[in-house]
Amino acid sequence: MFIIDDLLFLSFRGLWYVFAEIYNQVEAELYDESTVHQQLLELQFQYELGDLSQEEYEQKETELLARLRAIKERQQNIAEASLRGGE
């Protein structure tokens, strides 16, 4: 009985580890400033080549800039929380 419990527990831990790693990677990419900066550069390049209309460009730029602000706010909140935790 304990062997079965151990096997089930190990498979659950392995699955949990995989999901945790996927979550960490997605979060790292989602909150990476350099990714958003790169997307802004690509957006500008597409606009200059004529692949996007001015309206499309402005809409996507607004979305990316909002995302960049959210990333900076999150980083600031994390920094403030770590300072409060260290007091």
C-alpha atoms as a PDB file:
ATOM      1  CA  MET A   1       0.000   0.000   0.000  1.00  0.00           C
ATOM      2  CA  PHE A   2       2.782   2.438   0.854  1.00  0.00           C
ATOM      3  CA  ILE A   3       4.550   1.712  -2.422  1.00  0.00           C
ATOM      4  CA  ILE A   4       1.460   2.693  -4.376  1.00  0.00           C
ATOM      5  CA  ASP A   5       1.089   5.836  -2.296  1.00  0.00           C
ATOM      6  CA  ASP A   6       4.736   6.691  -2.919  1.00  0.00           C
ATOM      7  CA  LEU A   7       4.377   6.155  -6.666  1.00  0.00           C
ATOM      8  CA  LEU A   8       1.255   8.299  -6.825  1.00  0.00           C
ATOM      9  CA  PHE A   9       2.889  11.006  -4.745  1.00  0.00           C
ATOM     10  CA  LEU A  10       6.033  11.008  -6.900  1.00  0.00           C
ATOM     11  CA  SER A  11       4.047  11.284 -10.124  1.00  0.00           C
ATOM     12  CA  PHE A  12       2.045  14.155  -8.633  1.00  0.00           C
ATOM     13  CA  ARG A  13       5.244  15.931  -7.559  1.00  0.00           C
ATOM     14  CA  GLY A  14       6.726  15.453 -11.033  1.00  0.00           C
ATOM     15  CA  LEU A  15       3.624  16.843 -12.666  1.00  0.00           C
ATOM     16  CA  TRP A  16       3.564  19.740 -10.202  1.00  0.00           C
ATOM     17  CA  TYR A  17       7.212  20.492 -11.033  1.00  0.00           C
ATOM     18  CA  VAL A  18       6.489  20.579 -14.782  1.00  0.00           C
ATOM     19  CA  PHE A  19       3.536  22.929 -14.327  1.00  0.00           C
ATOM     20  CA  ALA A  20       5.537  25.162 -11.986  1.00  0.00           C
ATOM     21  CA  GLU A  21       8.350  25.421 -14.546  1.00  0.00           C
ATOM     22  CA  ILE A  22       5.911  26.262 -17.343  1.00  0.00           C
ATOM     23  CA  TYR A  23       4.312  28.918 -15.145  1.00  0.00           C
ATOM     24  CA  ASN A  24       7.697  30.412 -14.251  1.00  0.00           C
ATOM     25  CA  GLN A  25       8.768  30.577 -17.903  1.00  0.00           C
ATOM     26  CA  VAL A  26       5.508  32.170 -19.027  1.00  0.00           C
ATOM     27  CA  GLU A  27       5.644  34.702 -16.201  1.00  0.00           C
ATOM     28  CA  ALA A  28       9.282  35.537 -16.973  1.00  0.00           C
ATOM     29  CA  GLU A  29       8.494  36.176 -20.620  1.00  0.00           C
ATOM     30  CA  LEU A  30       5.289  38.042 -19.871  1.00  0.00           C
ATOM     31  CA  TYR A  31       7.013  40.434 -17.459  1.00  0.00           C
ATOM     32  CA  ASP A  32      10.252  40.871 -19.396  1.00  0.00           C
ATOM     33  CA  GLU A  33      10.820  44.498 -20.399  1.00  0.00           C
ATOM     34  CA  SER A  34      13.235  43.561 -23.169  1.00  0.00           C
ATOM     35  CA  THR A  35      10.561  41.437 -24.856  1.00  0.00           C
ATOM     36  CA  VAL A  36       8.165  44.390 -24.943  1.00  0.00           C
ATOM     37  CA  HIS A  37      10.906  46.733 -26.186  1.00  0.00           C
ATOM     38  CA  GLN A  38      11.681  44.239 -28.956  1.00  0.00           C
ATOM     39  CA  GLN A  39       8.003  44.056 -29.892  1.00  0.00           C
ATOM     40  CA  LEU A  40       7.847  47.850 -30.046  1.00  0.00           C
ATOM     41  CA  LEU A  41      10.838  47.917 -32.396  1.00  0.00           C
ATOM     42  CA  GLU A  42       9.292  45.238 -34.606  1.00  0.00           C
ATOM     43  CA  LEU A  43       6.022  47.154 -34.628  1.00  0.00           C
ATOM     44  CA  GLN A  44       7.765  50.344 -35.727  1.00  0.00           C
ATOM     45  CA  PHE A  45       9.646  48.435 -38.424  1.00  0.00           C
ATOM     46  CA  GLN A  46       6.399  46.937 -39.760  1.00  0.00           C
ATOM     47  CA  TYR A  47       4.801  50.382 -39.817  1.00  0.00           C
ATOM     48  CA  GLU A  48       7.746  51.925 -41.651  1.00  0.00           C
ATOM     49  CA  LEU A  49       7.594  49.147 -44.252  1.00  0.00           C
ATOM     50  CA  GLY A  50       3.909  49.858 -44.782  1.00  0.00           C
ATOM     51  CA  ASP A  51       2.733  46.518 -43.395  1.00  0.00           C
ATOM     52  CA  LEU A  52       0.522  48.310 -40.838  1.00  0.00           C
ATOM     53  CA  SER A  53      -1.825  51.241 -41.143  1.00  0.00           C
ATOM     54  CA  GLN A  54      -1.359  54.164 -38.787  1.00  0.00           C
ATOM     55  CA  GLU A  55      -4.480  53.108 -36.878  1.00  0.00           C
ATOM     56  CA  GLU A  56      -3.196  49.541 -36.410  1.00  0.00           C
ATOM     57  CA  TYR A  57       0.203  50.858 -35.387  1.00  0.00           C
ATOM     58  CA  GLU A  58      -1.224  53.255 -32.808  1.00  0.00           C
ATOM     59  CA  GLN A  59      -3.539  50.599 -31.359  1.00  0.00           C
ATOM     60  CA  LYS A  60      -0.767  48.023 -30.963  1.00  0.00           C
ATOM     61  CA  GLU A  61       1.670  50.629 -29.674  1.00  0.00           C
ATOM     62  CA  THR A  62      -0.840  51.694 -27.017  1.00  0.00           C
ATOM     63  CA  GLU A  63      -1.268  48.073 -25.929  1.00  0.00           C
ATOM     64  CA  LEU A  64       2.490  47.485 -25.718  1.00  0.00           C
ATOM     65  CA  LEU A  65       3.112  50.722 -23.825  1.00  0.00           C
ATOM     66  CA  ALA A  66       0.356  49.809 -21.352  1.00  0.00           C
ATOM     67  CA  ARG A  67       1.989  46.414 -20.896  1.00  0.00           C
ATOM     68  CA  LEU A  68       5.351  48.102 -20.329  1.00  0.00           C
ATOM     69  CA  ARG A  69       3.809  50.379 -17.677  1.00  0.00           C
ATOM     70  CA  ALA A  70       2.248  47.352 -15.980  1.00  0.00           C
ATOM     71  CA  ILE A  71       5.630  45.603 -15.921  1.00  0.00           C
ATOM     72  CA  LYS A  72       7.292  48.648 -14.362  1.00  0.00           C
ATOM     73  CA  GLU A  73       4.520  48.969 -11.768  1.00  0.00           C
ATOM     74  CA  ARG A  74       4.841  45.282 -10.901  1.00  0.00           C
ATOM     75  CA  GLN A  75       8.606  45.617 -10.520  1.00  0.00           C
ATOM     76  CA  GLN A  76       8.135  48.653  -8.297  1.00  0.00           C
ATOM     77  CA  ASN A  77       5.565  46.822  -6.162  1.00  0.00           C
ATOM     78  CA  ILE A  78       7.891  43.854  -5.780  1.00  0.00           C
ATOM     79  CA  ALA A  79      10.775  46.137  -4.804  1.00  0.00           C
ATOM     80  CA  GLU A  80       8.610  47.971  -2.251  1.00  0.00           C
ATOM     81  CA  ALA A  81       7.343  44.686  -0.814  1.00  0.00           C
ATOM     82  CA  SER A  82      10.868  43.347  -0.427  1.00  0.00           C
ATOM     83  CA  LEU A  83      11.922  46.560   1.327  1.00  0.00           C
ATOM     84  CA  ARG A  84       8.999  46.316   3.730  1.00  0.00           C
ATOM     85  CA  GLY A  85       9.781  42.675   4.337  1.00  0.00           C
ATOM     86  CA  GLY A  86      13.373  43.511   5.221  1.00  0.00           C
ATOM     87  CA  GLU A  87      12.424  46.056   7.877  1.00  0.00           C
END
